[in-house]
Amino acid sequence: MAHLEEIDPDTTSGVWTVVTRTSTYLLDFSEMTLLRAPGVGGSTDESWAVSALRRDSEDIPLLGVKSCRIGESAQFWVRAADDPDVRTWRITTPVVSIERIS
């Protein structure tokens, strides 16, 4: 398992975990999916509120990564799971750790 400082926007393979201040994200580039586990994050600081987002704890179609770097908010380009014509950004709280798990 490799701990990294960032995920390159050109990444096309592997399964990655991205832990933010408030949540953990699982990115699967083979399946092109993103899963968010809210409240499973890298901070016990109560000043970071956990937001509820549509499709939490479900795989949603991942279109790409604009940026994902430790210490910054990650930006993931996703498609709405229930409407393939709707695309949007998922912008996270600051990233605490990035790990490639396969």
PDB file of N, CA and C in Angstrom:
ATOM      1  N   MET A   1       0.841  -1.174   0.000  1.00  0.00           N
ATOM      2  CA  MET A   1       0.000   0.000   0.000  1.00  0.00           C
ATOM      3  C   MET A   1       0.887   1.238   0.000  1.00  0.00           C
ATOM      4  N   ALA A   2       0.613   2.126  -0.927  1.00  0.00           N
ATOM      5  CA  ALA A   2       1.444   3.302  -1.088  1.00  0.00           C
ATOM      6  C   ALA A   2       0.723   4.557  -0.620  1.00  0.00           C
ATOM      7  N   HIS A   3       1.357   5.263   0.311  1.00  0.00           N
ATOM      8  CA  HIS A   3       0.836   6.563   0.745  1.00  0.00           C
ATOM      9  C   HIS A   3       1.441   7.623  -0.163  1.00  0.00           C
ATOM     10  N   LEU A   4       0.598   8.503  -0.666  1.00  0.00           N
ATOM     11  CA  LEU A   4       1.051   9.506  -1.617  1.00  0.00           C
ATOM     12  C   LEU A   4       0.629  10.900  -1.190  1.00  0.00           C
ATOM     13  N   GLU A   5       1.223  11.884  -1.831  1.00  0.00           N
ATOM     14  CA  GLU A   5       0.879  13.278  -1.575  1.00  0.00           C
ATOM     15  C   GLU A   5      -0.296  13.729  -2.424  1.00  0.00           C
ATOM     16  N   GLU A   6      -0.500  13.079  -3.603  1.00  0.00           N
ATOM     17  CA  GLU A   6      -1.592  13.485  -4.473  1.00  0.00           C
ATOM     18  C   GLU A   6      -1.934  12.370  -5.456  1.00  0.00           C
ATOM     19  N   ILE A   7      -3.114  12.487  -6.050  1.00  0.00           N
ATOM     20  CA  ILE A   7      -3.515  11.620  -7.154  1.00  0.00           C
ATOM     21  C   ILE A   7      -3.378  12.450  -8.420  1.00  0.00           C
ATOM     22  N   ASP A   8      -2.598  11.953  -9.355  1.00  0.00           N
ATOM     23  CA  ASP A   8      -2.417  12.647 -10.626  1.00  0.00           C
ATOM     24  C   ASP A   8      -3.744  12.682 -11.383  1.00  0.00           C
ATOM     25  N   PRO A   9      -4.134  13.840 -11.928  1.00  0.00           N
ATOM     26  CA  PRO A   9      -5.393  13.915 -12.679  1.00  0.00           C
ATOM     27  C   PRO A   9      -5.466  12.948 -13.872  1.00  0.00           C
ATOM     28  N   ASP A  10      -4.337  12.473 -14.362  1.00  0.00           N
ATOM     29  CA  ASP A  10      -4.315  11.531 -15.480  1.00  0.00           C
ATOM     30  C   ASP A  10      -4.395  10.074 -15.046  1.00  0.00           C
ATOM     31  N   THR A  11      -4.595   9.813 -13.759  1.00  0.00           N
ATOM     32  CA  THR A  11      -4.672   8.445 -13.246  1.00  0.00           C
ATOM     33  C   THR A  11      -5.830   7.697 -13.892  1.00  0.00           C
ATOM     34  N   THR A  12      -5.557   6.448 -14.303  1.00  0.00           N
ATOM     35  CA  THR A  12      -6.586   5.632 -14.965  1.00  0.00           C
ATOM     36  C   THR A  12      -6.692   4.230 -14.385  1.00  0.00           C
ATOM     37  N   SER A  13      -5.933   3.950 -13.322  1.00  0.00           N
ATOM     38  CA  SER A  13      -6.000   2.598 -12.769  1.00  0.00           C
ATOM     39  C   SER A  13      -5.853   2.629 -11.259  1.00  0.00           C
ATOM     40  N   GLY A  14      -6.258   1.522 -10.649  1.00  0.00           N
ATOM     41  CA  GLY A  14      -6.090   1.349  -9.215  1.00  0.00           C
ATOM     42  C   GLY A  14      -7.322   1.712  -8.412  1.00  0.00           C
ATOM     43  N   VAL A  15      -7.249   1.331  -7.141  1.00  0.00           N
ATOM     44  CA  VAL A  15      -8.270   1.671  -6.155  1.00  0.00           C
ATOM     45  C   VAL A  15      -7.567   2.488  -5.080  1.00  0.00           C
ATOM     46  N   TRP A  16      -8.163   3.589  -4.712  1.00  0.00           N
ATOM     47  CA  TRP A  16      -7.548   4.550  -3.811  1.00  0.00           C
ATOM     48  C   TRP A  16      -8.499   4.917  -2.676  1.00  0.00           C
ATOM     49  N   THR A  17      -7.939   5.186  -1.497  1.00  0.00           N
ATOM     50  CA  THR A  17      -8.719   5.792  -0.418  1.00  0.00           C
ATOM     51  C   THR A  17      -8.187   7.202  -0.207  1.00  0.00           C
ATOM     52  N   VAL A  18      -9.118   8.119  -0.057  1.00  0.00           N
ATOM     53  CA  VAL A  18      -8.789   9.513   0.224  1.00  0.00           C
ATOM     54  C   VAL A  18      -9.532   9.873   1.495  1.00  0.00           C
ATOM     55  N   VAL A  19      -8.782  10.157   2.550  1.00  0.00           N
ATOM     56  CA  VAL A  19      -9.375  10.540   3.826  1.00  0.00           C
ATOM     57  C   VAL A  19      -9.316  12.058   3.923  1.00  0.00           C
ATOM     58  N   THR A  20     -10.478  12.663   4.205  1.00  0.00           N
ATOM     59  CA  THR A  20     -10.555  14.106   4.388  1.00  0.00           C
ATOM     60  C   THR A  20     -10.835  14.393   5.861  1.00  0.00           C
ATOM     61  N   ARG A  21     -11.006  15.651   6.181  1.00  0.00           N
ATOM     62  CA  ARG A  21     -11.309  16.026   7.573  1.00  0.00           C
ATOM     63  C   ARG A  21     -12.607  15.409   8.077  1.00  0.00           C
ATOM     64  N   THR A  22     -13.539  15.117   7.163  1.00  0.00           N
ATOM     65  CA  THR A  22     -14.863  14.674   7.603  1.00  0.00           C
ATOM     66  C   THR A  22     -15.348  13.368   6.999  1.00  0.00           C
ATOM     67  N   SER A  23     -14.646  12.834   5.998  1.00  0.00           N
ATOM     68  CA  SER A  23     -15.150  11.646   5.304  1.00  0.00           C
ATOM     69  C   SER A  23     -14.006  10.850   4.692  1.00  0.00           C
ATOM     70  N   THR A  24     -14.340   9.660   4.246  1.00  0.00           N
ATOM     71  CA  THR A  24     -13.396   8.854   3.478  1.00  0.00           C
ATOM     72  C   THR A  24     -14.033   8.549   2.136  1.00  0.00           C
ATOM     73  N   TYR A  25     -13.234   8.687   1.090  1.00  0.00           N
ATOM     74  CA  TYR A  25     -13.676   8.420  -0.279  1.00  0.00           C
ATOM     75  C   TYR A  25     -12.935   7.208  -0.810  1.00  0.00           C
ATOM     76  N   LEU A  26     -13.643   6.375  -1.545  1.00  0.00           N
ATOM     77  CA  LEU A  26     -13.047   5.228  -2.226  1.00  0.00           C
ATOM     78  C   LEU A  26     -13.201   5.484  -3.717  1.00  0.00           C
ATOM     79  N   LEU A  27     -12.076   5.592  -4.411  1.00  0.00           N
ATOM     80  CA  LEU A  27     -12.070   5.814  -5.855  1.00  0.00           C
ATOM     81  C   LEU A  27     -11.606   4.538  -6.528  1.00  0.00           C
ATOM     82  N   ASP A  28     -12.408   4.018  -7.434  1.00  0.00           N
ATOM     83  CA  ASP A  28     -12.065   2.809  -8.180  1.00  0.00           C
ATOM     84  C   ASP A  28     -11.972   3.192  -9.649  1.00  0.00           C
ATOM     85  N   PHE A  29     -10.738   3.264 -10.167  1.00  0.00           N
ATOM     86  CA  PHE A  29     -10.538   3.685 -11.546  1.00  0.00           C
ATOM     87  C   PHE A  29     -10.822   2.573 -12.541  1.00  0.00           C
ATOM     88  N   SER A  30     -10.872   1.319 -12.109  1.00  0.00           N
ATOM     89  CA  SER A  30     -11.260   0.221 -13.007  1.00  0.00           C
ATOM     90  C   SER A  30     -12.748   0.294 -13.306  1.00  0.00           C
ATOM     91  N   GLU A  31     -13.531   0.554 -12.262  1.00  0.00           N
ATOM     92  CA  GLU A  31     -14.988   0.660 -12.396  1.00  0.00           C
ATOM     93  C   GLU A  31     -15.439   2.094 -12.650  1.00  0.00           C
ATOM     94  N   MET A  32     -14.528   3.060 -12.461  1.00  0.00           N
ATOM     95  CA  MET A  32     -14.822   4.497 -12.563  1.00  0.00           C
ATOM     96  C   MET A  32     -15.989   4.873 -11.651  1.00  0.00           C
ATOM     97  N   THR A  33     -15.785   4.556 -10.358  1.00  0.00           N
ATOM     98  CA  THR A  33     -16.780   4.894  -9.346  1.00  0.00           C
ATOM     99  C   THR A  33     -16.128   5.630  -8.177  1.00  0.00           C
ATOM    100  N   LEU A  34     -16.969   6.383  -7.470  1.00  0.00           N
ATOM    101  CA  LEU A  34     -16.581   7.117  -6.278  1.00  0.00           C
ATOM    102  C   LEU A  34     -17.592   6.799  -5.197  1.00  0.00           C
ATOM    103  N   LEU A  35     -17.110   6.448  -4.015  1.00  0.00           N
ATOM    104  CA  LEU A  35     -17.986   6.191  -2.875  1.00  0.00           C
ATOM    105  C   LEU A  35     -17.531   7.082  -1.734  1.00  0.00           C
ATOM    106  N   ARG A  36     -18.473   7.750  -1.084  1.00  0.00           N
ATOM    107  CA  ARG A  36     -18.165   8.603   0.074  1.00  0.00           C
ATOM    108  C   ARG A  36     -18.756   7.986   1.325  1.00  0.00           C
ATOM    109  N   ALA A  37     -17.907   7.810   2.345  1.00  0.00           N
ATOM    110  CA  ALA A  37     -18.345   7.344   3.654  1.00  0.00           C
ATOM    111  C   ALA A  37     -18.295   8.549   4.594  1.00  0.00           C
ATOM    112  N   PRO A  38     -19.425   9.212   4.811  1.00  0.00           N
ATOM    113  CA  PRO A  38     -19.429  10.420   5.639  1.00  0.00           C
ATOM    114  C   PRO A  38     -19.168  10.108   7.102  1.00  0.00           C
ATOM    115  N   GLY A  39     -18.452  11.016   7.746  1.00  0.00           N
ATOM    116  CA  GLY A  39     -18.173  10.852   9.166  1.00  0.00           C
ATOM    117  C   GLY A  39     -17.000   9.935   9.462  1.00  0.00           C
ATOM    118  N   VAL A  40     -16.449   9.311   8.450  1.00  0.00           N
ATOM    119  CA  VAL A  40     -15.272   8.448   8.614  1.00  0.00           C
ATOM    120  C   VAL A  40     -14.101   9.262   8.083  1.00  0.00           C
ATOM    121  N   GLY A  41     -13.590  10.148   8.936  1.00  0.00           N
ATOM    122  CA  GLY A  41     -12.579  11.071   8.452  1.00  0.00           C
ATOM    123  C   GLY A  41     -11.385  11.169   9.360  1.00  0.00           C
ATOM    124  N   GLY A  42     -10.554  12.139   9.045  1.00  0.00           N
ATOM    125  CA  GLY A  42      -9.282  12.274   9.738  1.00  0.00           C
ATOM    126  C   GLY A  42      -9.242  13.354  10.769  1.00  0.00           C
ATOM    127  N   SER A  43     -10.381  13.721  11.356  1.00  0.00           N
ATOM    128  CA  SER A  43     -10.363  14.798  12.336  1.00  0.00           C
ATOM    129  C   SER A  43     -11.361  14.538  13.443  1.00  0.00           C
ATOM    130  N   THR A  44     -10.946  14.825  14.650  1.00  0.00           N
ATOM    131  CA  THR A  44     -11.872  14.798  15.778  1.00  0.00           C
ATOM    132  C   THR A  44     -12.238  16.229  16.180  1.00  0.00           C
ATOM    133  N   ASP A  45     -11.775  17.192  15.397  1.00  0.00           N
ATOM    134  CA  ASP A  45     -12.048  18.601  15.627  1.00  0.00           C
ATOM    135  C   ASP A  45     -13.520  18.874  15.314  1.00  0.00           C
ATOM    136  N   GLU A  46     -14.288  19.266  16.316  1.00  0.00           N
ATOM    137  CA  GLU A  46     -15.724  19.462  16.145  1.00  0.00           C
ATOM    138  C   GLU A  46     -16.076  20.682  15.301  1.00  0.00           C
ATOM    139  N   SER A  47     -15.096  21.493  14.929  1.00  0.00           N
ATOM    140  CA  SER A  47     -15.392  22.644  14.083  1.00  0.00           C
ATOM    141  C   SER A  47     -15.640  22.223  12.637  1.00  0.00           C
ATOM    142  N   TRP A  48     -15.340  20.964  12.299  1.00  0.00           N
ATOM    143  CA  TRP A  48     -15.607  20.424  10.962  1.00  0.00           C
ATOM    144  C   TRP A  48     -16.911  19.647  11.008  1.00  0.00           C
ATOM    145  N   ALA A  49     -17.955  20.201  10.428  1.00  0.00           N
ATOM    146  CA  ALA A  49     -19.259  19.534  10.399  1.00  0.00           C
ATOM    147  C   ALA A  49     -19.305  18.550   9.233  1.00  0.00           C
ATOM    148  N   VAL A  50     -19.965  17.431   9.457  1.00  0.00           N
ATOM    149  CA  VAL A  50     -20.143  16.432   8.400  1.00  0.00           C
ATOM    150  C   VAL A  50     -21.441  16.737   7.672  1.00  0.00           C
ATOM    151  N   SER A  51     -21.332  17.013   6.382  1.00  0.00           N
ATOM    152  CA  SER A  51     -22.513  17.298   5.568  1.00  0.00           C
ATOM    153  C   SER A  51     -23.079  16.004   5.005  1.00  0.00           C
ATOM    154  N   ALA A  52     -24.390  15.951   4.897  1.00  0.00           N
ATOM    155  CA  ALA A  52     -25.032  14.812   4.236  1.00  0.00           C
ATOM    156  C   ALA A  52     -25.173  15.163   2.757  1.00  0.00           C
ATOM    157  N   LEU A  53     -24.702  14.260   1.886  1.00  0.00           N
ATOM    158  CA  LEU A  53     -24.792  14.460   0.446  1.00  0.00           C
ATOM    159  C   LEU A  53     -25.625  13.353  -0.179  1.00  0.00           C
ATOM    160  N   ARG A  54     -26.274  13.679  -1.295  1.00  0.00           N
ATOM    161  CA  ARG A  54     -27.024  12.641  -1.999  1.00  0.00           C
ATOM    162  C   ARG A  54     -26.076  11.522  -2.386  1.00  0.00           C
ATOM    163  N   ARG A  55     -26.574  10.314  -2.296  1.00  0.00           N
ATOM    164  CA  ARG A  55     -25.831   9.109  -2.689  1.00  0.00           C
ATOM    165  C   ARG A  55     -24.642   8.783  -1.777  1.00  0.00           C
ATOM    166  N   ASP A  56     -24.647   9.317  -0.544  1.00  0.00           N
ATOM    167  CA  ASP A  56     -23.613   8.917   0.415  1.00  0.00           C
ATOM    168  C   ASP A  56     -23.635   7.402   0.576  1.00  0.00           C
ATOM    169  N   SER A  57     -22.477   6.816   0.709  1.00  0.00           N
ATOM    170  CA  SER A  57     -22.291   5.374   0.908  1.00  0.00           C
ATOM    171  C   SER A  57     -22.792   4.541  -0.272  1.00  0.00           C
ATOM    172  N   GLU A  58     -22.888   5.159  -1.452  1.00  0.00           N
ATOM    173  CA  GLU A  58     -23.237   4.451  -2.681  1.00  0.00           C
ATOM    174  C   GLU A  58     -22.190   4.778  -3.746  1.00  0.00           C
ATOM    175  N   ASP A  59     -21.943   3.833  -4.634  1.00  0.00           N
ATOM    176  CA  ASP A  59     -21.068   4.110  -5.765  1.00  0.00           C
ATOM    177  C   ASP A  59     -21.764   5.067  -6.719  1.00  0.00           C
ATOM    178  N   ILE A  60     -21.047   6.122  -7.106  1.00  0.00           N
ATOM    179  CA  ILE A  60     -21.551   7.014  -8.142  1.00  0.00           C
ATOM    180  C   ILE A  60     -20.519   7.046  -9.265  1.00  0.00           C
ATOM    181  N   PRO A  61     -20.954   7.307 -10.487  1.00  0.00           N
ATOM    182  CA  PRO A  61     -20.019   7.306 -11.618  1.00  0.00           C
ATOM    183  C   PRO A  61     -18.972   8.424 -11.505  1.00  0.00           C
ATOM    184  N   LEU A  62     -17.706   8.033 -11.577  1.00  0.00           N
ATOM    185  CA  LEU A  62     -16.578   8.965 -11.524  1.00  0.00           C
ATOM    186  C   LEU A  62     -16.140   9.282 -12.952  1.00  0.00           C
ATOM    187  N   LEU A  63     -16.097  10.558 -13.278  1.00  0.00           N
ATOM    188  CA  LEU A  63     -15.660  10.978 -14.606  1.00  0.00           C
ATOM    189  C   LEU A  63     -14.194  11.387 -14.609  1.00  0.00           C
ATOM    190  N   GLY A  64     -13.689  11.846 -13.453  1.00  0.00           N
ATOM    191  CA  GLY A  64     -12.291  12.235 -13.387  1.00  0.00           C
ATOM    192  C   GLY A  64     -11.953  12.953 -12.099  1.00  0.00           C
ATOM    193  N   VAL A  65     -10.667  13.215 -11.939  1.00  0.00           N
ATOM    194  CA  VAL A  65     -10.140  13.920 -10.771  1.00  0.00           C
ATOM    195  C   VAL A  65      -9.518  15.217 -11.274  1.00  0.00           C
ATOM    196  N   LYS A  66     -10.026  16.334 -10.813  1.00  0.00           N
ATOM    197  CA  LYS A  66      -9.411  17.613 -11.185  1.00  0.00           C
ATOM    198  C   LYS A  66      -8.193  17.865 -10.313  1.00  0.00           C
ATOM    199  N   SER A  67      -8.359  17.635  -8.996  1.00  0.00           N
ATOM    200  CA  SER A  67      -7.235  17.771  -8.075  1.00  0.00           C
ATOM    201  C   SER A  67      -7.512  16.957  -6.820  1.00  0.00           C
ATOM    202  N   CYS A  68      -6.439  16.401  -6.269  1.00  0.00           N
ATOM    203  CA  CYS A  68      -6.536  15.646  -5.019  1.00  0.00           C
ATOM    204  C   CYS A  68      -5.141  15.638  -4.405  1.00  0.00           C
ATOM    205  N   ARG A  69      -4.936  16.531  -3.445  1.00  0.00           N
ATOM    206  CA  ARG A  69      -3.618  16.728  -2.852  1.00  0.00           C
ATOM    207  C   ARG A  69      -3.773  16.926  -1.344  1.00  0.00           C
ATOM    208  N   ILE A  70      -2.891  16.327  -0.575  1.00  0.00           N
ATOM    209  CA  ILE A  70      -2.929  16.473   0.886  1.00  0.00           C
ATOM    210  C   ILE A  70      -2.862  17.948   1.260  1.00  0.00           C
ATOM    211  N   GLY A  71      -3.735  18.343   2.191  1.00  0.00           N
ATOM    212  CA  GLY A  71      -3.787  19.709   2.688  1.00  0.00           C
ATOM    213  C   GLY A  71      -4.732  20.613   1.922  1.00  0.00           C
ATOM    214  N   GLU A  72      -5.266  20.119   0.785  1.00  0.00           N
ATOM    215  CA  GLU A  72      -6.184  20.909  -0.037  1.00  0.00           C
ATOM    216  C   GLU A  72      -7.498  20.166  -0.198  1.00  0.00           C
ATOM    217  N   SER A  73      -8.537  20.882  -0.581  1.00  0.00           N
ATOM    218  CA  SER A  73      -9.806  20.229  -0.905  1.00  0.00           C
ATOM    219  C   SER A  73      -9.651  19.495  -2.227  1.00  0.00           C
ATOM    220  N   ALA A  74     -10.134  18.257  -2.287  1.00  0.00           N
ATOM    221  CA  ALA A  74     -10.113  17.500  -3.536  1.00  0.00           C
ATOM    222  C   ALA A  74     -11.316  17.904  -4.375  1.00  0.00           C
ATOM    223  N   GLN A  75     -11.169  17.751  -5.699  1.00  0.00           N
ATOM    224  CA  GLN A  75     -12.267  18.036  -6.624  1.00  0.00           C
ATOM    225  C   GLN A  75     -12.437  16.842  -7.548  1.00  0.00           C
ATOM    226  N   PHE A  76     -13.603  16.197  -7.436  1.00  0.00           N
ATOM    227  CA  PHE A  76     -13.919  15.021  -8.248  1.00  0.00           C
ATOM    228  C   PHE A  76     -15.059  15.364  -9.191  1.00  0.00           C
ATOM    229  N   TRP A  77     -14.918  15.011 -10.458  1.00  0.00           N
ATOM    230  CA  TRP A  77     -15.945  15.229 -11.486  1.00  0.00           C
ATOM    231  C   TRP A  77     -16.778  13.966 -11.535  1.00  0.00           C
ATOM    232  N   VAL A  78     -18.071  14.061 -11.256  1.00  0.00           N
ATOM    233  CA  VAL A  78     -18.939  12.892 -11.168  1.00  0.00           C
ATOM    234  C   VAL A  78     -20.207  13.077 -11.993  1.00  0.00           C
ATOM    235  N   ARG A  79     -20.839  11.957 -12.272  1.00  0.00           N
ATOM    236  CA  ARG A  79     -22.126  11.956 -12.969  1.00  0.00           C
ATOM    237  C   ARG A  79     -23.187  11.542 -11.962  1.00  0.00           C
ATOM    238  N   ALA A  80     -24.344  12.165 -12.043  1.00  0.00           N
ATOM    239  CA  ALA A  80     -25.447  11.770 -11.167  1.00  0.00           C
ATOM    240  C   ALA A  80     -25.829  10.329 -11.482  1.00  0.00           C
ATOM    241  N   ALA A  81     -25.935   9.511 -10.469  1.00  0.00           N
ATOM    242  CA  ALA A  81     -26.227   8.091 -10.671  1.00  0.00           C
ATOM    243  C   ALA A  81     -27.624   7.867 -11.245  1.00  0.00           C
ATOM    244  N   ASP A  82     -28.541   8.790 -10.959  1.00  0.00           N
ATOM    245  CA  ASP A  82     -29.910   8.602 -11.419  1.00  0.00           C
ATOM    246  C   ASP A  82     -30.238   9.391 -12.693  1.00  0.00           C
ATOM    247  N   ASP A  83     -29.280  10.184 -13.193  1.00  0.00           N
ATOM    248  CA  ASP A  83     -29.501  10.936 -14.423  1.00  0.00           C
ATOM    249  C   ASP A  83     -28.170  11.090 -15.152  1.00  0.00           C
ATOM    250  N   PRO A  84     -27.920  10.301 -16.186  1.00  0.00           N
ATOM    251  CA  PRO A  84     -26.622  10.311 -16.861  1.00  0.00           C
ATOM    252  C   PRO A  84     -26.279  11.630 -17.556  1.00  0.00           C
ATOM    253  N   ASP A  85     -27.263  12.514 -17.726  1.00  0.00           N
ATOM    254  CA  ASP A  85     -26.995  13.799 -18.360  1.00  0.00           C
ATOM    255  C   ASP A  85     -26.512  14.862 -17.375  1.00  0.00           C
ATOM    256  N   VAL A  86     -26.596  14.581 -16.083  1.00  0.00           N
ATOM    257  CA  VAL A  86     -26.201  15.549 -15.057  1.00  0.00           C
ATOM    258  C   VAL A  86     -24.786  15.229 -14.573  1.00  0.00           C
ATOM    259  N   ARG A  87     -23.922  16.235 -14.690  1.00  0.00           N
ATOM    260  CA  ARG A  87     -22.541  16.112 -14.212  1.00  0.00           C
ATOM    261  C   ARG A  87     -22.303  17.227 -13.201  1.00  0.00           C
ATOM    262  N   THR A  88     -21.481  16.932 -12.191  1.00  0.00           N
ATOM    263  CA  THR A  88     -21.249  17.928 -11.143  1.00  0.00           C
ATOM    264  C   THR A  88     -19.896  17.671 -10.484  1.00  0.00           C
ATOM    265  N   TRP A  89     -19.456  18.628  -9.678  1.00  0.00           N
ATOM    266  CA  TRP A  89     -18.227  18.486  -8.909  1.00  0.00           C
ATOM    267  C   TRP A  89     -18.556  18.046  -7.496  1.00  0.00           C
ATOM    268  N   ARG A  90     -17.726  17.162  -6.960  1.00  0.00           N
ATOM    269  CA  ARG A  90     -17.727  16.880  -5.519  1.00  0.00           C
ATOM    270  C   ARG A  90     -16.459  17.532  -5.000  1.00  0.00           C
ATOM    271  N   ILE A  91     -16.612  18.508  -4.135  1.00  0.00           N
ATOM    272  CA  ILE A  91     -15.471  19.201  -3.548  1.00  0.00           C
ATOM    273  C   ILE A  91     -15.450  18.858  -2.063  1.00  0.00           C
ATOM    274  N   THR A  92     -14.311  18.381  -1.582  1.00  0.00           N
ATOM    275  CA  THR A  92     -14.200  17.842  -0.232  1.00  0.00           C
ATOM    276  C   THR A  92     -13.655  18.868   0.756  1.00  0.00           C
ATOM    277  N   THR A  93     -13.695  18.497   2.019  1.00  0.00           N
ATOM    278  CA  THR A  93     -12.928  19.209   3.036  1.00  0.00           C
ATOM    279  C   THR A  93     -11.453  18.847   2.797  1.00  0.00           C
ATOM    280  N   PRO A  94     -10.504  19.517   3.454  1.00  0.00           N
ATOM    281  CA  PRO A  94      -9.092  19.247   3.177  1.00  0.00           C
ATOM    282  C   PRO A  94      -8.713  17.761   3.327  1.00  0.00           C
ATOM    283  N   VAL A  95      -7.884  17.317   2.395  1.00  0.00           N
ATOM    284  CA  VAL A  95      -7.424  15.931   2.365  1.00  0.00           C
ATOM    285  C   VAL A  95      -6.364  15.716   3.439  1.00  0.00           C
ATOM    286  N   VAL A  96      -6.525  14.619   4.192  1.00  0.00           N
ATOM    287  CA  VAL A  96      -5.599  14.261   5.270  1.00  0.00           C
ATOM    288  C   VAL A  96      -4.625  13.186   4.811  1.00  0.00           C
ATOM    289  N   SER A  97      -5.129  12.203   4.039  1.00  0.00           N
ATOM    290  CA  SER A  97      -4.238  11.150   3.558  1.00  0.00           C
ATOM    291  C   SER A  97      -4.774  10.565   2.251  1.00  0.00           C
ATOM    292  N   ILE A  98      -3.845  10.028   1.461  1.00  0.00           N
ATOM    293  CA  ILE A  98      -4.153   9.381   0.193  1.00  0.00           C
ATOM    294  C   ILE A  98      -3.372   8.081   0.163  1.00  0.00           C
ATOM    295  N   GLU A  99      -4.084   7.002  -0.171  1.00  0.00           N
ATOM    296  CA  GLU A  99      -3.419   5.702  -0.208  1.00  0.00           C
ATOM    297  C   GLU A  99      -3.943   4.890  -1.398  1.00  0.00           C
ATOM    298  N   ARG A 100      -3.009   4.336  -2.156  1.00  0.00           N
ATOM    299  CA  ARG A 100      -3.409   3.402  -3.211  1.00  0.00           C
ATOM    300  C   ARG A 100      -3.487   2.020  -2.576  1.00  0.00           C
ATOM    301  N   ILE A 101      -4.655   1.374  -2.676  1.00  0.00           N
ATOM    302  CA  ILE A 101      -4.825   0.077  -2.010  1.00  0.00           C
ATOM    303  C   ILE A 101      -4.824  -1.091  -2.987  1.00  0.00           C
ATOM    304  N   SER A 102      -4.880  -0.814  -4.286  1.00  0.00           N
ATOM    305  CA  SER A 102      -4.666  -1.881  -5.283  1.00  0.00           C
ATOM    306  C   SER A 102      -4.358  -1.265  -6.625  1.00  0.00           C
TER     307      SER A 102
END
